[in-house]
Amino acid sequence: MKFEQLLSHLDSGVCVEQLQKESLLDIALMAQCVCGELKPGELSHILQWANSLEWSTSVSLHAYIEESLEKCLSALTSDRLESFLEHRMQQIEDQPLKETAQFLLNKIRTAKGANIVASV
């Protein structure tokens, strides 16, 4: 998947609330996890985009990403992908973010439907 192109089109200024930023980041990371393996090149594009966000919590961005990746892999291995995605989508209210998240959801469901699963 071309995360660099997708994320470069996202205006991070639209991410007004931290929860929306976290939810969209979770979905982007899940899109990476569901494709089979965490490829450093694609993951680096997500990290570059995430670094452009105004992160406003006591948890560092790096710590959040590590925790989110663990949650993504756990959701995949315990067959909770749909509930994981639904919960994150409920947190996103801004229309441009919802559209980006929906694009990623479609990619995730296509990958999952092709029986591609995460590997650690």
PDB file of N, CA and C in Angstrom:
ATOM      1  N   MET A   1       0.832  -1.175   0.000  1.00  0.00           N
ATOM      2  CA  MET A   1       0.000   0.000   0.000  1.00  0.00           C
ATOM      3  C   MET A   1       0.886   1.252   0.000  1.00  0.00           C
ATOM      4  N   LYS A   2       0.398   2.276  -0.580  1.00  0.00           N
ATOM      5  CA  LYS A   2       1.162   3.515  -0.717  1.00  0.00           C
ATOM      6  C   LYS A   2       0.786   4.491   0.402  1.00  0.00           C
ATOM      7  N   PHE A   3       1.277   4.188   1.602  1.00  0.00           N
ATOM      8  CA  PHE A   3       0.948   5.030   2.743  1.00  0.00           C
ATOM      9  C   PHE A   3       1.503   6.435   2.594  1.00  0.00           C
ATOM     10  N   GLU A   4       2.655   6.555   1.962  1.00  0.00           N
ATOM     11  CA  GLU A   4       3.265   7.872   1.800  1.00  0.00           C
ATOM     12  C   GLU A   4       2.321   8.796   1.046  1.00  0.00           C
ATOM     13  N   GLN A   5       1.763   8.315  -0.058  1.00  0.00           N
ATOM     14  CA  GLN A   5       0.854   9.136  -0.857  1.00  0.00           C
ATOM     15  C   GLN A   5      -0.424   9.443  -0.089  1.00  0.00           C
ATOM     16  N   LEU A   6      -0.983   8.431   0.544  1.00  0.00           N
ATOM     17  CA  LEU A   6      -2.216   8.623   1.281  1.00  0.00           C
ATOM     18  C   LEU A   6      -2.037   9.637   2.399  1.00  0.00           C
ATOM     19  N   LEU A   7      -1.034   9.443   3.221  1.00  0.00           N
ATOM     20  CA  LEU A   7      -0.855  10.299   4.379  1.00  0.00           C
ATOM     21  C   LEU A   7      -0.372  11.695   4.012  1.00  0.00           C
ATOM     22  N   SER A   8       0.295  11.831   2.871  1.00  0.00           N
ATOM     23  CA  SER A   8       0.727  13.162   2.458  1.00  0.00           C
ATOM     24  C   SER A   8      -0.458  14.028   2.055  1.00  0.00           C
ATOM     25  N   HIS A   9      -1.567  13.404   1.676  1.00  0.00           N
ATOM     26  CA  HIS A   9      -2.754  14.151   1.292  1.00  0.00           C
ATOM     27  C   HIS A   9      -3.620  14.519   2.495  1.00  0.00           C
ATOM     28  N   LEU A  10      -3.308  13.986   3.638  1.00  0.00           N
ATOM     29  CA  LEU A  10      -4.100  14.270   4.822  1.00  0.00           C
ATOM     30  C   LEU A  10      -3.642  15.572   5.449  1.00  0.00           C
ATOM     31  N   ASP A  11      -4.557  16.483   5.650  1.00  0.00           N
ATOM     32  CA  ASP A  11      -4.235  17.749   6.287  1.00  0.00           C
ATOM     33  C   ASP A  11      -4.303  17.550   7.794  1.00  0.00           C
ATOM     34  N   SER A  12      -3.152  17.477   8.448  1.00  0.00           N
ATOM     35  CA  SER A  12      -3.142  17.217   9.883  1.00  0.00           C
ATOM     36  C   SER A  12      -3.769  18.350  10.672  1.00  0.00           C
ATOM     37  N   GLY A  13      -3.957  19.504  10.066  1.00  0.00           N
ATOM     38  CA  GLY A  13      -4.638  20.592  10.743  1.00  0.00           C
ATOM     39  C   GLY A  13      -6.101  20.284  11.006  1.00  0.00           C
ATOM     40  N   VAL A  14      -6.655  19.325  10.270  1.00  0.00           N
ATOM     41  CA  VAL A  14      -8.040  18.935  10.454  1.00  0.00           C
ATOM     42  C   VAL A  14      -8.190  18.108  11.742  1.00  0.00           C
ATOM     43  N   CYS A  15      -7.113  17.509  12.205  1.00  0.00           N
ATOM     44  CA  CYS A  15      -7.157  16.690  13.421  1.00  0.00           C
ATOM     45  C   CYS A  15      -7.262  17.598  14.631  1.00  0.00           C
ATOM     46  N   VAL A  16      -8.460  18.036  14.957  1.00  0.00           N
ATOM     47  CA  VAL A  16      -8.611  19.010  16.018  1.00  0.00           C
ATOM     48  C   VAL A  16      -8.528  18.369  17.391  1.00  0.00           C
ATOM     49  N   GLU A  17      -8.989  17.186  17.525  1.00  0.00           N
ATOM     50  CA  GLU A  17      -8.995  16.544  18.829  1.00  0.00           C
ATOM     51  C   GLU A  17      -8.000  15.394  18.857  1.00  0.00           C
ATOM     52  N   GLN A  18      -7.357  15.253  19.978  1.00  0.00           N
ATOM     53  CA  GLN A  18      -6.353  14.209  20.151  1.00  0.00           C
ATOM     54  C   GLN A  18      -6.943  12.814  19.905  1.00  0.00           C
ATOM     55  N   LEU A  19      -8.148  12.587  20.364  1.00  0.00           N
ATOM     56  CA  LEU A  19      -8.772  11.278  20.208  1.00  0.00           C
ATOM     57  C   LEU A  19      -8.916  10.905  18.734  1.00  0.00           C
ATOM     58  N   GLN A  20      -9.239  11.878  17.910  1.00  0.00           N
ATOM     59  CA  GLN A  20      -9.343  11.618  16.478  1.00  0.00           C
ATOM     60  C   GLN A  20      -7.971  11.281  15.893  1.00  0.00           C
ATOM     61  N   LYS A  21      -6.948  11.990  16.351  1.00  0.00           N
ATOM     62  CA  LYS A  21      -5.593  11.701  15.888  1.00  0.00           C
ATOM     63  C   LYS A  21      -5.199  10.282  16.258  1.00  0.00           C
ATOM     64  N   GLU A  22      -5.466   9.921  17.490  1.00  0.00           N
ATOM     65  CA  GLU A  22      -5.112   8.580  17.957  1.00  0.00           C
ATOM     66  C   GLU A  22      -5.879   7.512  17.182  1.00  0.00           C
ATOM     67  N   SER A  23      -7.168   7.740  16.969  1.00  0.00           N
ATOM     68  CA  SER A  23      -7.988   6.757  16.264  1.00  0.00           C
ATOM     69  C   SER A  23      -7.533   6.569  14.820  1.00  0.00           C
ATOM     70  N   LEU A  24      -7.251   7.671  14.144  1.00  0.00           N
ATOM     71  CA  LEU A  24      -6.783   7.566  12.764  1.00  0.00           C
ATOM     72  C   LEU A  24      -5.409   6.899  12.713  1.00  0.00           C
ATOM     73  N   LEU A  25      -4.545   7.224  13.650  1.00  0.00           N
ATOM     74  CA  LEU A  25      -3.240   6.589  13.712  1.00  0.00           C
ATOM     75  C   LEU A  25      -3.386   5.088  13.973  1.00  0.00           C
ATOM     76  N   ASP A  26      -4.303   4.710  14.862  1.00  0.00           N
ATOM     77  CA  ASP A  26      -4.557   3.288  15.125  1.00  0.00           C
ATOM     78  C   ASP A  26      -4.987   2.567  13.851  1.00  0.00           C
ATOM     79  N   ILE A  27      -5.879   3.193  13.085  1.00  0.00           N
ATOM     80  CA  ILE A  27      -6.366   2.570  11.850  1.00  0.00           C
ATOM     81  C   ILE A  27      -5.244   2.469  10.825  1.00  0.00           C
ATOM     82  N   ALA A  28      -4.421   3.498  10.709  1.00  0.00           N
ATOM     83  CA  ALA A  28      -3.288   3.453   9.779  1.00  0.00           C
ATOM     84  C   ALA A  28      -2.310   2.343  10.169  1.00  0.00           C
ATOM     85  N   LEU A  29      -2.059   2.203  11.457  1.00  0.00           N
ATOM     86  CA  LEU A  29      -1.155   1.142  11.920  1.00  0.00           C
ATOM     87  C   LEU A  29      -1.772  -0.232  11.702  1.00  0.00           C
ATOM     88  N   MET A  30      -3.084  -0.348  11.903  1.00  0.00           N
ATOM     89  CA  MET A  30      -3.753  -1.631  11.647  1.00  0.00           C
ATOM     90  C   MET A  30      -3.660  -1.986  10.171  1.00  0.00           C
ATOM     91  N   ALA A  31      -3.782  -0.993   9.300  1.00  0.00           N
ATOM     92  CA  ALA A  31      -3.656  -1.250   7.863  1.00  0.00           C
ATOM     93  C   ALA A  31      -2.289  -1.840   7.549  1.00  0.00           C
ATOM     94  N   GLN A  32      -1.285  -1.379   8.251  1.00  0.00           N
ATOM     95  CA  GLN A  32       0.063  -1.914   8.058  1.00  0.00           C
ATOM     96  C   GLN A  32       0.162  -3.341   8.616  1.00  0.00           C
ATOM     97  N   CYS A  33      -0.391  -3.557   9.797  1.00  0.00           N
ATOM     98  CA  CYS A  33      -0.305  -4.867  10.451  1.00  0.00           C
ATOM     99  C   CYS A  33      -1.052  -5.950   9.680  1.00  0.00           C
ATOM    100  N   VAL A  34      -2.217  -5.628   9.161  1.00  0.00           N
ATOM    101  CA  VAL A  34      -3.061  -6.622   8.515  1.00  0.00           C
ATOM    102  C   VAL A  34      -2.482  -7.088   7.179  1.00  0.00           C
ATOM    103  N   CYS A  35      -1.583  -6.312   6.615  1.00  0.00           N
ATOM    104  CA  CYS A  35      -1.009  -6.668   5.312  1.00  0.00           C
ATOM    105  C   CYS A  35       0.024  -7.788   5.399  1.00  0.00           C
ATOM    106  N   GLY A  36       0.374  -8.196   6.556  1.00  0.00           N
ATOM    107  CA  GLY A  36       1.257  -9.348   6.645  1.00  0.00           C
ATOM    108  C   GLY A  36       2.444  -9.155   7.543  1.00  0.00           C
ATOM    109  N   GLU A  37       3.207  -8.134   7.310  1.00  0.00           N
ATOM    110  CA  GLU A  37       4.369  -7.891   8.151  1.00  0.00           C
ATOM    111  C   GLU A  37       4.612  -6.397   8.246  1.00  0.00           C
ATOM    112  N   LEU A  38       5.260  -6.008   9.292  1.00  0.00           N
ATOM    113  CA  LEU A  38       5.559  -4.594   9.487  1.00  0.00           C
ATOM    114  C   LEU A  38       6.823  -4.250   8.718  1.00  0.00           C
ATOM    115  N   LYS A  39       6.639  -3.690   7.536  1.00  0.00           N
ATOM    116  CA  LYS A  39       7.774  -3.326   6.696  1.00  0.00           C
ATOM    117  C   LYS A  39       8.303  -1.968   7.130  1.00  0.00           C
ATOM    118  N   PRO A  40       9.585  -1.886   7.421  1.00  0.00           N
ATOM    119  CA  PRO A  40      10.157  -0.629   7.919  1.00  0.00           C
ATOM    120  C   PRO A  40       9.896   0.570   7.008  1.00  0.00           C
ATOM    121  N   GLY A  41       9.958   0.383   5.712  1.00  0.00           N
ATOM    122  CA  GLY A  41       9.758   1.486   4.784  1.00  0.00           C
ATOM    123  C   GLY A  41       8.364   2.074   4.877  1.00  0.00           C
ATOM    124  N   GLU A  42       7.355   1.217   4.885  1.00  0.00           N
ATOM    125  CA  GLU A  42       5.984   1.698   4.976  1.00  0.00           C
ATOM    126  C   GLU A  42       5.691   2.245   6.364  1.00  0.00           C
ATOM    127  N   LEU A  43       6.212   1.598   7.375  1.00  0.00           N
ATOM    128  CA  LEU A  43       6.015   2.077   8.736  1.00  0.00           C
ATOM    129  C   LEU A  43       6.661   3.453   8.925  1.00  0.00           C
ATOM    130  N   SER A  44       7.774   3.680   8.265  1.00  0.00           N
ATOM    131  CA  SER A  44       8.447   4.977   8.403  1.00  0.00           C
ATOM    132  C   SER A  44       7.588   6.108   7.841  1.00  0.00           C
ATOM    133  N   HIS A  45       6.797   5.834   6.799  1.00  0.00           N
ATOM    134  CA  HIS A  45       5.910   6.860   6.250  1.00  0.00           C
ATOM    135  C   HIS A  45       4.820   7.215   7.260  1.00  0.00           C
ATOM    136  N   ILE A  46       4.297   6.216   7.938  1.00  0.00           N
ATOM    137  CA  ILE A  46       3.295   6.475   8.970  1.00  0.00           C
ATOM    138  C   ILE A  46       3.928   7.280  10.096  1.00  0.00           C
ATOM    139  N   LEU A  47       5.140   6.930  10.473  1.00  0.00           N
ATOM    140  CA  LEU A  47       5.821   7.638  11.553  1.00  0.00           C
ATOM    141  C   LEU A  47       6.095   9.094  11.173  1.00  0.00           C
ATOM    142  N   GLN A  48       6.499   9.330   9.939  1.00  0.00           N
ATOM    143  CA  GLN A  48       6.736  10.706   9.484  1.00  0.00           C
ATOM    144  C   GLN A  48       5.449  11.522   9.570  1.00  0.00           C
ATOM    145  N   TRP A  49       4.344  10.938   9.118  1.00  0.00           N
ATOM    146  CA  TRP A  49       3.059  11.624   9.185  1.00  0.00           C
ATOM    147  C   TRP A  49       2.672  11.870  10.644  1.00  0.00           C
ATOM    148  N   ALA A  50       2.809  10.851  11.482  1.00  0.00           N
ATOM    149  CA  ALA A  50       2.446  10.977  12.896  1.00  0.00           C
ATOM    150  C   ALA A  50       3.268  12.068  13.575  1.00  0.00           C
ATOM    151  N   ASN A  51       4.536  12.191  13.198  1.00  0.00           N
ATOM    152  CA  ASN A  51       5.388  13.230  13.779  1.00  0.00           C
ATOM    153  C   ASN A  51       4.917  14.634  13.412  1.00  0.00           C
ATOM    154  N   SER A  52       4.148  14.770  12.343  1.00  0.00           N
ATOM    155  CA  SER A  52       3.648  16.085  11.940  1.00  0.00           C
ATOM    156  C   SER A  52       2.408  16.499  12.736  1.00  0.00           C
ATOM    157  N   LEU A  53       1.830  15.570  13.467  1.00  0.00           N
ATOM    158  CA  LEU A  53       0.646  15.880  14.271  1.00  0.00           C
ATOM    159  C   LEU A  53       1.045  16.644  15.526  1.00  0.00           C
ATOM    160  N   GLU A  54       0.168  17.461  15.984  1.00  0.00           N
ATOM    161  CA  GLU A  54       0.394  18.140  17.257  1.00  0.00           C
ATOM    162  C   GLU A  54      -0.087  17.183  18.337  1.00  0.00           C
ATOM    163  N   TRP A  55       0.838  16.463  18.921  1.00  0.00           N
ATOM    164  CA  TRP A  55       0.516  15.448  19.915  1.00  0.00           C
ATOM    165  C   TRP A  55       0.342  16.135  21.259  1.00  0.00           C
ATOM    166  N   SER A  56      -0.824  15.968  21.880  1.00  0.00           N
ATOM    167  CA  SER A  56      -1.098  16.725  23.100  1.00  0.00           C
ATOM    168  C   SER A  56      -1.571  15.840  24.252  1.00  0.00           C
ATOM    169  N   THR A  57      -0.795  14.814  24.532  1.00  0.00           N
ATOM    170  CA  THR A  57      -1.071  13.977  25.704  1.00  0.00           C
ATOM    171  C   THR A  57       0.217  13.773  26.470  1.00  0.00           C
ATOM    172  N   SER A  58       0.068  13.199  27.655  1.00  0.00           N
ATOM    173  CA  SER A  58       1.255  12.925  28.465  1.00  0.00           C
ATOM    174  C   SER A  58       2.027  11.721  27.934  1.00  0.00           C
ATOM    175  N   VAL A  59       1.395  10.910  27.101  1.00  0.00           N
ATOM    176  CA  VAL A  59       2.050   9.751  26.491  1.00  0.00           C
ATOM    177  C   VAL A  59       2.776  10.219  25.235  1.00  0.00           C
ATOM    178  N   SER A  60       4.047   9.893  25.148  1.00  0.00           N
ATOM    179  CA  SER A  60       4.805  10.306  23.964  1.00  0.00           C
ATOM    180  C   SER A  60       4.280   9.598  22.714  1.00  0.00           C
ATOM    181  N   LEU A  61       4.487  10.212  21.575  1.00  0.00           N
ATOM    182  CA  LEU A  61       4.057   9.621  20.313  1.00  0.00           C
ATOM    183  C   LEU A  61       4.692   8.248  20.117  1.00  0.00           C
ATOM    184  N   HIS A  62       5.979   8.137  20.399  1.00  0.00           N
ATOM    185  CA  HIS A  62       6.682   6.855  20.243  1.00  0.00           C
ATOM    186  C   HIS A  62       6.055   5.777  21.125  1.00  0.00           C
ATOM    187  N   ALA A  63       5.787   6.105  22.379  1.00  0.00           N
ATOM    188  CA  ALA A  63       5.171   5.142  23.298  1.00  0.00           C
ATOM    189  C   ALA A  63       3.765   4.778  22.823  1.00  0.00           C
ATOM    190  N   TYR A  64       3.030   5.760  22.311  1.00  0.00           N
ATOM    191  CA  TYR A  64       1.684   5.491  21.821  1.00  0.00           C
ATOM    192  C   TYR A  64       1.717   4.523  20.631  1.00  0.00           C
ATOM    193  N   ILE A  65       2.637   4.745  19.717  1.00  0.00           N
ATOM    194  CA  ILE A  65       2.734   3.888  18.533  1.00  0.00           C
ATOM    195  C   ILE A  65       3.087   2.463  18.938  1.00  0.00           C
ATOM    196  N   GLU A  66       4.021   2.299  19.848  1.00  0.00           N
ATOM    197  CA  GLU A  66       4.375   0.951  20.314  1.00  0.00           C
ATOM    198  C   GLU A  66       3.168   0.249  20.926  1.00  0.00           C
ATOM    199  N   GLU A  67       2.439   0.970  21.760  1.00  0.00           N
ATOM    200  CA  GLU A  67       1.252   0.397  22.410  1.00  0.00           C
ATOM    201  C   GLU A  67       0.174   0.076  21.381  1.00  0.00           C
ATOM    202  N   SER A  68      -0.007   0.966  20.423  1.00  0.00           N
ATOM    203  CA  SER A  68      -1.015   0.763  19.389  1.00  0.00           C
ATOM    204  C   SER A  68      -0.689  -0.456  18.524  1.00  0.00           C
ATOM    205  N   LEU A  69       0.577  -0.621  18.180  1.00  0.00           N
ATOM    206  CA  LEU A  69       0.961  -1.794  17.386  1.00  0.00           C
ATOM    207  C   LEU A  69       0.662  -3.083  18.142  1.00  0.00           C
ATOM    208  N   GLU A  70       0.912  -3.090  19.445  1.00  0.00           N
ATOM    209  CA  GLU A  70       0.589  -4.267  20.262  1.00  0.00           C
ATOM    210  C   GLU A  70      -0.913  -4.526  20.246  1.00  0.00           C
ATOM    211  N   LYS A  71      -1.720  -3.470  20.355  1.00  0.00           N
ATOM    212  CA  LYS A  71      -3.175  -3.623  20.322  1.00  0.00           C
ATOM    213  C   LYS A  71      -3.647  -4.125  18.962  1.00  0.00           C
ATOM    214  N   CYS A  72      -3.033  -3.631  17.904  1.00  0.00           N
ATOM    215  CA  CYS A  72      -3.388  -4.081  16.555  1.00  0.00           C
ATOM    216  C   CYS A  72      -3.128  -5.576  16.403  1.00  0.00           C
ATOM    217  N   LEU A  73      -1.940  -6.004  16.779  1.00  0.00           N
ATOM    218  CA  LEU A  73      -1.585  -7.413  16.651  1.00  0.00           C
ATOM    219  C   LEU A  73      -2.462  -8.284  17.542  1.00  0.00           C
ATOM    220  N   SER A  74      -2.774  -7.800  18.725  1.00  0.00           N
ATOM    221  CA  SER A  74      -3.655  -8.538  19.634  1.00  0.00           C
ATOM    222  C   SER A  74      -5.056  -8.671  19.036  1.00  0.00           C
ATOM    223  N   ALA A  75      -5.569  -7.606  18.466  1.00  0.00           N
ATOM    224  CA  ALA A  75      -6.898  -7.648  17.843  1.00  0.00           C
ATOM    225  C   ALA A  75      -6.926  -8.629  16.681  1.00  0.00           C
ATOM    226  N   LEU A  76      -5.850  -8.687  15.916  1.00  0.00           N
ATOM    227  CA  LEU A  76      -5.782  -9.614  14.787  1.00  0.00           C
ATOM    228  C   LEU A  76      -5.713 -11.060  15.242  1.00  0.00           C
ATOM    229  N   THR A  77      -4.880 -11.327  16.232  1.00  0.00           N
ATOM    230  CA  THR A  77      -4.702 -12.711  16.669  1.00  0.00           C
ATOM    231  C   THR A  77      -5.891 -13.234  17.471  1.00  0.00           C
ATOM    232  N   SER A  78      -6.684 -12.327  18.037  1.00  0.00           N
ATOM    233  CA  SER A  78      -7.848 -12.769  18.819  1.00  0.00           C
ATOM    234  C   SER A  78      -9.162 -12.553  18.066  1.00  0.00           C
ATOM    235  N   ASP A  79      -9.066 -12.336  16.775  1.00  0.00           N
ATOM    236  CA  ASP A  79     -10.234 -12.188  15.905  1.00  0.00           C
ATOM    237  C   ASP A  79     -11.166 -11.060  16.360  1.00  0.00           C
ATOM    238  N   ARG A  80     -10.582  -9.925  16.735  1.00  0.00           N
ATOM    239  CA  ARG A  80     -11.354  -8.749  17.160  1.00  0.00           C
ATOM    240  C   ARG A  80     -11.125  -7.567  16.214  1.00  0.00           C
ATOM    241  N   LEU A  81     -10.793  -7.847  14.993  1.00  0.00           N
ATOM    242  CA  LEU A  81     -10.491  -6.787  14.033  1.00  0.00           C
ATOM    243  C   LEU A  81     -11.663  -5.827  13.861  1.00  0.00           C
ATOM    244  N   GLU A  82     -12.838  -6.364  13.615  1.00  0.00           N
ATOM    245  CA  GLU A  82     -13.998  -5.497  13.354  1.00  0.00           C
ATOM    246  C   GLU A  82     -14.347  -4.628  14.556  1.00  0.00           C
ATOM    247  N   SER A  83     -14.311  -5.173  15.752  1.00  0.00           N
ATOM    248  CA  SER A  83     -14.634  -4.344  16.927  1.00  0.00           C
ATOM    249  C   SER A  83     -13.562  -3.279  17.143  1.00  0.00           C
ATOM    250  N   PHE A  84     -12.306  -3.620  16.862  1.00  0.00           N
ATOM    251  CA  PHE A  84     -11.209  -2.657  16.942  1.00  0.00           C
ATOM    252  C   PHE A  84     -11.473  -1.486  15.999  1.00  0.00           C
ATOM    253  N   LEU A  85     -11.817  -1.804  14.760  1.00  0.00           N
ATOM    254  CA  LEU A  85     -12.052  -0.777  13.749  1.00  0.00           C
ATOM    255  C   LEU A  85     -13.300   0.053  14.046  1.00  0.00           C
ATOM    256  N   GLU A  86     -14.376  -0.604  14.449  1.00  0.00           N
ATOM    257  CA  GLU A  86     -15.611   0.107  14.755  1.00  0.00           C
ATOM    258  C   GLU A  86     -15.407   1.107  15.891  1.00  0.00           C
ATOM    259  N   HIS A  87     -14.703   0.680  16.914  1.00  0.00           N
ATOM    260  CA  HIS A  87     -14.450   1.562  18.047  1.00  0.00           C
ATOM    261  C   HIS A  87     -13.669   2.798  17.597  1.00  0.00           C
ATOM    262  N   ARG A  88     -12.646   2.622  16.783  1.00  0.00           N
ATOM    263  CA  ARG A  88     -11.849   3.765  16.327  1.00  0.00           C
ATOM    264  C   ARG A  88     -12.666   4.676  15.426  1.00  0.00           C
ATOM    265  N   MET A  89     -13.493   4.094  14.563  1.00  0.00           N
ATOM    266  CA  MET A  89     -14.305   4.913  13.649  1.00  0.00           C
ATOM    267  C   MET A  89     -15.296   5.783  14.427  1.00  0.00           C
ATOM    268  N   GLN A  90     -15.793   5.295  15.546  1.00  0.00           N
ATOM    269  CA  GLN A  90     -16.730   6.074  16.354  1.00  0.00           C
ATOM    270  C   GLN A  90     -16.077   7.320  16.927  1.00  0.00           C
ATOM    271  N   GLN A  91     -14.772   7.321  17.050  1.00  0.00           N
ATOM    272  CA  GLN A  91     -14.050   8.446  17.628  1.00  0.00           C
ATOM    273  C   GLN A  91     -13.760   9.552  16.619  1.00  0.00           C
ATOM    274  N   ILE A  92     -13.974   9.283  15.348  1.00  0.00           N
ATOM    275  CA  ILE A  92     -13.639  10.237  14.295  1.00  0.00           C
ATOM    276  C   ILE A  92     -14.906  10.909  13.796  1.00  0.00           C
ATOM    277  N   GLU A  93     -14.959  12.228  13.951  1.00  0.00           N
ATOM    278  CA  GLU A  93     -16.143  12.981  13.546  1.00  0.00           C
ATOM    279  C   GLU A  93     -15.891  13.904  12.360  1.00  0.00           C
ATOM    280  N   ASP A  94     -14.682  14.386  12.201  1.00  0.00           N
ATOM    281  CA  ASP A  94     -14.371  15.276  11.084  1.00  0.00           C
ATOM    282  C   ASP A  94     -14.500  14.515   9.768  1.00  0.00           C
ATOM    283  N   GLN A  95     -15.227  15.093   8.818  1.00  0.00           N
ATOM    284  CA  GLN A  95     -15.493  14.404   7.556  1.00  0.00           C
ATOM    285  C   GLN A  95     -14.228  14.028   6.777  1.00  0.00           C
ATOM    286  N   PRO A  96     -13.255  14.916   6.610  1.00  0.00           N
ATOM    287  CA  PRO A  96     -12.049  14.504   5.868  1.00  0.00           C
ATOM    288  C   PRO A  96     -11.310  13.343   6.555  1.00  0.00           C
ATOM    289  N   LEU A  97     -11.279  13.349   7.880  1.00  0.00           N
ATOM    290  CA  LEU A  97     -10.639  12.246   8.604  1.00  0.00           C
ATOM    291  C   LEU A  97     -11.434  10.967   8.430  1.00  0.00           C
ATOM    292  N   LYS A  98     -12.762  11.078   8.468  1.00  0.00           N
ATOM    293  CA  LYS A  98     -13.610   9.904   8.280  1.00  0.00           C
ATOM    294  C   LYS A  98     -13.379   9.288   6.903  1.00  0.00           C
ATOM    295  N   GLU A  99     -13.236  10.141   5.900  1.00  0.00           N
ATOM    296  CA  GLU A  99     -12.993   9.645   4.539  1.00  0.00           C
ATOM    297  C   GLU A  99     -11.653   8.924   4.457  1.00  0.00           C
ATOM    298  N   THR A 100     -10.639   9.479   5.073  1.00  0.00           N
ATOM    299  CA  THR A 100      -9.325   8.828   5.095  1.00  0.00           C
ATOM    300  C   THR A 100      -9.412   7.513   5.837  1.00  0.00           C
ATOM    301  N   ALA A 101     -10.080   7.524   6.987  1.00  0.00           N
ATOM    302  CA  ALA A 101     -10.229   6.302   7.772  1.00  0.00           C
ATOM    303  C   ALA A 101     -11.009   5.250   6.982  1.00  0.00           C
ATOM    304  N   GLN A 102     -12.053   5.668   6.270  1.00  0.00           N
ATOM    305  CA  GLN A 102     -12.838   4.722   5.477  1.00  0.00           C
ATOM    306  C   GLN A 102     -12.002   4.116   4.359  1.00  0.00           C
ATOM    307  N   PHE A 103     -11.159   4.918   3.728  1.00  0.00           N
ATOM    308  CA  PHE A 103     -10.245   4.417   2.703  1.00  0.00           C
ATOM    309  C   PHE A 103      -9.365   3.322   3.293  1.00  0.00           C
ATOM    310  N   LEU A 104      -8.798   3.597   4.475  1.00  0.00           N
ATOM    311  CA  LEU A 104      -7.946   2.610   5.135  1.00  0.00           C
ATOM    312  C   LEU A 104      -8.741   1.369   5.529  1.00  0.00           C
ATOM    313  N   LEU A 105      -9.964   1.562   6.003  1.00  0.00           N
ATOM    314  CA  LEU A 105     -10.811   0.422   6.372  1.00  0.00           C
ATOM    315  C   LEU A 105     -11.047  -0.490   5.179  1.00  0.00           C
ATOM    316  N   ASN A 106     -11.311   0.096   4.023  1.00  0.00           N
ATOM    317  CA  ASN A 106     -11.513  -0.697   2.818  1.00  0.00           C
ATOM    318  C   ASN A 106     -10.259  -1.508   2.481  1.00  0.00           C
ATOM    319  N   LYS A 107      -9.083  -0.895   2.630  1.00  0.00           N
ATOM    320  CA  LYS A 107      -7.824  -1.608   2.381  1.00  0.00           C
ATOM    321  C   LYS A 107      -7.645  -2.748   3.385  1.00  0.00           C
ATOM    322  N   ILE A 108      -7.973  -2.480   4.638  1.00  0.00           N
ATOM    323  CA  ILE A 108      -7.844  -3.498   5.689  1.00  0.00           C
ATOM    324  C   ILE A 108      -8.753  -4.678   5.390  1.00  0.00           C
ATOM    325  N   ARG A 109      -9.987  -4.390   5.077  1.00  0.00           N
ATOM    326  CA  ARG A 109     -10.961  -5.471   4.824  1.00  0.00           C
ATOM    327  C   ARG A 109     -10.599  -6.257   3.572  1.00  0.00           C
ATOM    328  N   THR A 110     -10.061  -5.590   2.563  1.00  0.00           N
ATOM    329  CA  THR A 110      -9.610  -6.293   1.360  1.00  0.00           C
ATOM    330  C   THR A 110      -8.448  -7.227   1.698  1.00  0.00           C
ATOM    331  N   ALA A 111      -7.489  -6.723   2.458  1.00  0.00           N
ATOM    332  CA  ALA A 111      -6.335  -7.541   2.851  1.00  0.00           C
ATOM    333  C   ALA A 111      -6.768  -8.714   3.718  1.00  0.00           C
ATOM    334  N   LYS A 112      -7.642  -8.457   4.663  1.00  0.00           N
ATOM    335  CA  LYS A 112      -8.116  -9.509   5.557  1.00  0.00           C
ATOM    336  C   LYS A 112      -8.909 -10.544   4.776  1.00  0.00           C
ATOM    337  N   GLY A 113      -9.703 -10.087   3.810  1.00  0.00           N
ATOM    338  CA  GLY A 113     -10.488 -10.988   2.977  1.00  0.00           C
ATOM    339  C   GLY A 113      -9.626 -11.881   2.104  1.00  0.00           C
ATOM    340  N   ALA A 114      -8.418 -11.423   1.814  1.00  0.00           N
ATOM    341  CA  ALA A 114      -7.482 -12.208   1.016  1.00  0.00           C
ATOM    342  C   ALA A 114      -6.671 -13.153   1.903  1.00  0.00           C
ATOM    343  N   ASN A 115      -7.123 -13.299   3.157  1.00  0.00           N
ATOM    344  CA  ASN A 115      -6.471 -14.174   4.125  1.00  0.00           C
ATOM    345  C   ASN A 115      -5.035 -13.778   4.424  1.00  0.00           C
ATOM    346  N   ILE A 116      -4.763 -12.510   4.362  1.00  0.00           N
ATOM    347  CA  ILE A 116      -3.458 -12.010   4.742  1.00  0.00           C
ATOM    348  C   ILE A 116      -3.548 -11.644   6.214  1.00  0.00           C
ATOM    349  N   VAL A 117      -2.662 -12.194   7.016  1.00  0.00           N
ATOM    350  CA  VAL A 117      -2.708 -11.922   8.442  1.00  0.00           C
ATOM    351  C   VAL A 117      -1.369 -11.388   8.912  1.00  0.00           C
ATOM    352  N   ALA A 118      -1.400 -10.777  10.051  1.00  0.00           N
ATOM    353  CA  ALA A 118      -0.187 -10.162  10.592  1.00  0.00           C
ATOM    354  C   ALA A 118       0.826 -11.193  11.038  1.00  0.00           C
ATOM    355  N   SER A 119       2.072 -10.824  10.880  1.00  0.00           N
ATOM    356  CA  SER A 119       3.149 -11.631  11.438  1.00  0.00           C
ATOM    357  C   SER A 119       4.014 -10.696  12.254  1.00  0.00           C
ATOM    358  N   VAL A 120       4.571 -11.201  13.310  1.00  0.00           N
ATOM    359  CA  VAL A 120       5.367 -10.360  14.206  1.00  0.00           C
ATOM    360  C   VAL A 120       6.813 -10.341  13.775  1.00  0.00           C
TER     361      VAL A 120
END
